[in-house]
């Protein structure tokens, strides 16, 4: 219509004033409650076997199958490491020098059945042994061919004083149990009047290679004897005495090499 009359202009102005007075906003209005349309599930629900297929269909992933059933892990049992086996020969040390080696063969004559000392340098002439060192007395196996399998000493109880039990002889022997005293198990000196022997008597100091002996008397007492070289027999004996020994007995040491 044309606003060409005063009354028309007045009504138009009044209408504009009322719209502004009531604060009609021109900002568009949006609904926040519009539902999200989920994709229709496949007719064959067996197709939803993977998380990827489920998520493509608007579904969440599968629940973990073993979420609560943890796998039991057995505690690992520490295995005992086997002791190392050392193989070598026995060097005889006197006054700090290499005096000789324990011979692989018994002596003859008055030294029958006992190991003697050889000055030959060839290893083929020396007694070959092997053992597994431990903190307690152990046995030494003799590798060189012979009748009895272990290295030991033949004799009886050792005493620090008195004439009895002066010394025992190095020889081959059948095994004796750790902690047992002189036993008639069979040894290289049995035919020489020394039926008793011991084999589980050896000690080893890895810092200097020295072998030692812990002799067990028949009453259970433990003796730590010294090694002595007897020139007349050309052999190394053990004795608990430190004085009163026959002339010519030289203290020596046995070193494993």
Protein backbone atom coordinates (compact mmCIF):
# COMPACT_ATOMS: atom_id res chain seq x y z
CA UNK A 1 0.00 0.00 0.00
CA UNK A 2 1.07 3.53 -0.46
CA UNK A 3 1.99 5.58 2.61
CA UNK A 4 0.82 8.83 1.16
CA UNK A 5 -1.52 9.93 3.90
CA UNK A 6 -0.67 11.24 7.38
CA UNK A 7 -2.65 8.51 9.05
CA UNK A 8 -0.84 5.77 7.19
CA UNK A 9 2.55 7.16 8.12
CA UNK A 10 1.54 7.33 11.76
CA UNK A 11 0.41 3.67 11.87
CA UNK A 12 3.65 2.47 10.18
CA UNK A 13 5.83 4.32 12.68
CA UNK A 14 3.81 2.93 15.61
CA UNK A 15 4.33 -0.62 14.34
CA UNK A 16 8.10 -0.17 14.09
CA UNK A 17 8.19 1.21 17.62
CA UNK A 18 6.32 -1.80 19.08
CA UNK A 19 8.61 -4.32 17.41
CA UNK A 20 11.72 -2.60 18.78
CA UNK A 21 10.14 -2.19 22.23
CA UNK A 22 9.42 -5.91 22.68
CA UNK A 23 13.04 -6.87 21.71
CA UNK A 24 12.35 -9.26 18.92
CA UNK A 25 15.69 -10.87 18.06
CA UNK A 26 16.70 -11.49 14.52
CA UNK A 27 19.23 -14.21 15.61
CA UNK A 28 18.26 -17.61 14.16
CA UNK A 29 17.21 -20.32 16.58
CA UNK A 30 18.59 -23.92 16.43
CA UNK A 31 17.27 -27.03 18.11
CA UNK A 32 19.79 -28.98 20.26
CA UNK A 33 17.62 -32.03 20.58
CA UNK A 34 17.95 -33.36 17.06
CA UNK A 35 18.48 -37.20 17.42
CA UNK A 36 21.44 -38.87 15.68
CA UNK A 37 20.21 -41.44 13.26
CA UNK A 38 22.05 -44.80 13.74
CA UNK A 39 22.84 -46.80 10.68
CA UNK A 40 20.66 -49.81 10.20
CA UNK A 41 22.28 -53.07 11.28
CA UNK A 42 23.09 -55.60 8.60
CA UNK A 43 20.50 -58.28 8.16
CA UNK A 44 23.12 -60.88 9.02
CA UNK A 45 24.52 -59.88 12.45
CA UNK A 46 27.25 -62.53 12.15
CA UNK A 47 29.04 -60.05 9.90
CA UNK A 48 29.80 -57.93 12.97
CA UNK A 49 32.66 -60.14 14.06
CA UNK A 50 35.34 -57.49 14.22
CA UNK A 51 35.60 -54.18 16.05
CA UNK A 52 36.01 -52.43 12.70
CA UNK A 53 32.69 -53.85 11.43
CA UNK A 54 30.92 -52.91 14.66
CA UNK A 55 32.20 -49.35 14.61
CA UNK A 56 31.17 -48.99 10.95
CA UNK A 57 27.67 -50.01 12.04
CA UNK A 58 27.67 -47.37 14.78
CA UNK A 59 28.31 -49.86 17.59
CA UNK A 60 31.00 -49.89 20.26
CA UNK A 61 33.93 -52.36 20.23
CA UNK A 62 33.71 -55.81 21.79
CA UNK A 63 34.41 -56.18 25.49
CA UNK A 64 37.83 -57.79 26.10
CA UNK A 65 37.36 -61.53 26.49
CA UNK A 66 40.00 -62.03 29.20
CA UNK A 67 39.69 -58.71 30.92
CA UNK A 68 39.29 -60.30 34.36
CA UNK A 69 40.98 -63.67 33.76
CA UNK A 70 44.67 -62.86 34.07
CA UNK A 71 47.12 -65.49 32.93
CA UNK A 72 48.90 -67.10 35.88
CA UNK A 73 52.68 -67.01 35.57
CA UNK A 74 54.57 -69.55 37.60
CA UNK A 75 57.50 -68.24 39.63
CA UNK A 76 60.80 -69.20 38.08
CA UNK A 77 62.79 -71.61 40.19
CA UNK A 78 66.46 -70.74 40.23
CA UNK A 79 68.54 -73.67 39.06
CA UNK A 80 71.75 -74.52 40.83
CA UNK A 81 74.69 -73.83 38.59
CA UNK A 82 76.98 -76.81 38.17
CA UNK A 83 80.42 -76.46 39.74
CA UNK A 84 83.26 -75.95 37.27
CA UNK A 85 85.50 -78.93 36.58
CA UNK A 86 89.21 -78.13 36.68
CA UNK A 87 91.73 -80.36 34.96
CA UNK A 88 95.48 -80.20 35.38
CA UNK A 89 98.58 -81.45 37.21
CA UNK A 90 100.21 -81.10 40.63
CA UNK A 91 103.41 -79.12 41.00
CA UNK A 92 105.56 -79.60 44.10
CA UNK A 93 106.91 -76.32 45.49
CA UNK A 94 109.85 -76.27 47.92
CA UNK A 95 111.39 -73.04 49.26
CA UNK A 96 109.31 -71.08 46.77
CA UNK A 97 110.71 -72.90 43.73
CA UNK A 98 109.37 -75.56 41.43
CA UNK A 99 110.81 -78.73 42.95
CA UNK A 100 109.05 -81.20 40.67
CA UNK A 101 105.75 -82.82 39.76
CA UNK A 102 103.66 -85.67 41.10
CA UNK A 103 104.50 -88.62 38.86
CA UNK A 104 101.70 -90.47 37.10
CA UNK A 105 103.17 -93.80 38.21
CA UNK A 106 103.74 -95.36 41.60
CA UNK A 107 107.25 -95.72 42.91
CA UNK A 108 109.05 -99.04 43.18
CA UNK A 109 110.80 -100.87 45.99
CA UNK A 110 110.06 -99.22 49.33
CA UNK A 111 107.89 -96.66 47.49
CA UNK A 112 105.56 -99.28 45.99
CA UNK A 113 101.94 -98.14 45.93
CA UNK A 114 102.66 -94.45 46.56
CA UNK A 115 103.06 -91.56 44.16
CA UNK A 116 106.55 -90.18 43.84
CA UNK A 117 108.00 -86.90 42.58
CA UNK A 118 109.46 -86.55 39.10
CA UNK A 119 111.67 -83.83 37.73
CA UNK A 120 110.74 -84.59 34.13
CA UNK A 121 109.22 -81.54 32.49
CA UNK A 122 107.04 -83.34 29.95
CA UNK A 123 103.36 -83.25 30.94
CA UNK A 124 103.02 -86.86 29.78
CA UNK A 125 105.05 -87.88 32.83
CA UNK A 126 102.84 -86.08 35.32
CA UNK A 127 99.75 -87.24 37.20
CA UNK A 128 96.63 -85.83 35.50
CA UNK A 129 93.70 -84.96 37.77
CA UNK A 130 90.33 -83.23 37.73
CA UNK A 131 88.04 -81.86 40.42
CA UNK A 132 85.19 -79.46 41.17
CA UNK A 133 86.31 -77.07 43.92
CA UNK A 134 83.87 -76.31 46.73
CA UNK A 135 83.82 -74.68 50.15
CA UNK A 136 83.87 -78.09 51.84
CA UNK A 137 86.44 -80.87 51.36
CA UNK A 138 86.01 -82.60 48.01
CA UNK A 139 87.50 -85.53 46.10
CA UNK A 140 89.97 -85.47 43.22
CA UNK A 141 89.58 -87.79 40.26
CA UNK A 142 92.70 -89.36 38.76
CA UNK A 143 92.61 -89.19 34.96
CA UNK A 144 95.82 -91.12 34.44
CA UNK A 145 95.13 -94.86 34.00
CA UNK A 146 95.14 -96.94 37.17
CA UNK A 147 93.22 -99.28 39.46
CA UNK A 148 91.57 -96.83 41.88
CA UNK A 149 89.68 -93.74 40.65
CA UNK A 150 90.48 -91.06 43.22
CA UNK A 151 93.53 -89.38 44.73
CA UNK A 152 93.90 -89.65 48.48
CA UNK A 153 96.13 -90.65 51.33
CA UNK A 154 96.57 -94.04 52.92
CA UNK A 155 97.09 -94.36 56.67
CA UNK A 156 95.37 -93.91 59.98
CA UNK A 157 94.74 -91.14 62.50
CA UNK A 158 97.13 -88.21 62.53
CA UNK A 159 98.36 -86.73 65.80
CA UNK A 160 100.23 -83.55 66.56
CA UNK A 161 102.37 -85.18 69.27
CA UNK A 162 103.67 -88.67 70.02
CA UNK A 163 105.31 -91.24 67.81
CA UNK A 164 102.10 -92.77 66.45
CA UNK A 165 100.40 -91.32 63.41
CA UNK A 166 103.48 -89.58 62.07
CA UNK A 167 102.48 -89.43 58.40
CA UNK A 168 100.29 -90.87 55.65
CA UNK A 169 101.11 -91.65 52.00
CA UNK A 170 99.71 -90.22 48.75
CA UNK A 171 98.10 -92.93 46.65
CA UNK A 172 95.08 -93.88 44.58
CA UNK A 173 92.01 -94.99 46.48
CA UNK A 174 88.39 -95.95 46.16
CA UNK A 175 85.96 -93.18 47.22
CA UNK A 176 85.26 -92.40 50.87
CA UNK A 177 82.32 -90.29 52.02
CA UNK A 178 82.91 -86.70 53.14
CA UNK A 179 83.46 -86.54 56.90
CA UNK A 180 84.31 -90.21 57.26
CA UNK A 181 87.52 -91.34 58.95
CA UNK A 182 90.12 -93.80 57.65
CA UNK A 183 88.24 -96.60 55.87
CA UNK A 184 89.32 -99.94 54.32
CA UNK A 185 87.82 -99.19 50.91
CA UNK A 186 90.82 -100.36 48.92
CA UNK A 187 93.83 -98.30 47.86
CA UNK A 188 97.25 -98.57 46.27
CA UNK A 189 98.94 -99.13 49.64
CA UNK A 190 96.62 -101.88 50.89
CA UNK A 191 99.18 -104.59 50.03
CA UNK A 192 101.85 -102.61 51.89
CA UNK A 193 100.05 -102.80 55.23
CA UNK A 194 97.95 -99.61 54.89
CA UNK A 195 94.38 -100.79 54.26
CA UNK A 196 92.72 -97.54 55.39
CA UNK A 197 92.51 -94.40 53.31
CA UNK A 198 90.49 -91.24 52.69
CA UNK A 199 89.63 -89.39 49.47
CA UNK A 200 87.11 -86.58 50.25
CA UNK A 201 89.77 -84.53 52.01
CA UNK A 202 90.97 -81.93 49.51
CA UNK A 203 90.75 -78.14 49.60
CA UNK A 204 91.69 -75.61 46.97
CA UNK A 205 92.72 -71.95 47.20
CA UNK A 206 92.07 -70.35 43.81
CA UNK A 207 94.07 -67.24 44.76
CA UNK A 208 97.38 -69.13 44.71
CA UNK A 209 96.46 -72.54 43.27
CA UNK A 210 97.40 -74.42 46.42
CA UNK A 211 95.85 -77.74 47.34
CA UNK A 212 95.35 -78.65 50.97
CA UNK A 213 94.04 -81.53 53.08
CA UNK A 214 91.47 -81.81 55.88
CA UNK A 215 92.09 -85.23 57.41
CA UNK A 216 89.33 -86.78 59.52
CA UNK A 217 90.38 -88.96 62.45
CA UNK A 218 88.25 -91.90 63.51
CA UNK A 219 86.83 -89.86 66.42
CA UNK A 220 85.57 -87.21 64.00
CA UNK A 221 88.23 -84.64 64.80
CA UNK A 222 89.58 -82.77 61.79
CA UNK A 223 93.30 -82.27 61.31
CA UNK A 224 94.91 -79.81 58.90
CA UNK A 225 98.27 -81.44 58.14
CA UNK A 226 101.28 -80.12 56.25
CA UNK A 227 102.95 -81.64 53.22
CA UNK A 228 106.48 -83.00 53.59
CA UNK A 229 108.87 -84.42 51.06
CA UNK A 230 110.77 -87.56 52.15
CA UNK A 231 113.97 -87.91 50.10
CA UNK A 232 114.47 -91.58 50.93
CA UNK A 233 111.07 -92.44 49.49
CA UNK A 234 110.92 -89.65 46.92
CA UNK A 235 107.30 -88.99 47.90
CA UNK A 236 105.10 -86.35 49.51
CA UNK A 237 103.42 -87.33 52.79
CA UNK A 238 101.04 -85.49 55.13
CA UNK A 239 101.77 -85.03 58.82
CA UNK A 240 100.18 -83.07 61.66
CA UNK A 241 103.54 -82.65 63.36
CA UNK A 242 105.53 -79.47 63.05
CA UNK A 243 108.48 -80.74 65.08
CA UNK A 244 110.05 -84.08 65.95
CA UNK A 245 110.00 -85.33 62.37
CA UNK A 246 112.92 -87.36 61.05
CA UNK A 247 115.86 -85.46 59.60
CA UNK A 248 115.51 -84.53 55.95
CA UNK A 249 111.76 -83.95 55.97
CA UNK A 250 111.26 -80.79 53.94
CA UNK A 251 107.97 -78.96 54.06
CA UNK A 252 106.55 -78.45 50.58
CA UNK A 253 103.36 -77.14 48.98
CA UNK A 254 101.19 -78.64 46.28
CA UNK A 255 100.04 -76.30 43.55
CA UNK A 256 97.43 -77.17 40.97
CA UNK A 257 98.42 -76.03 37.48
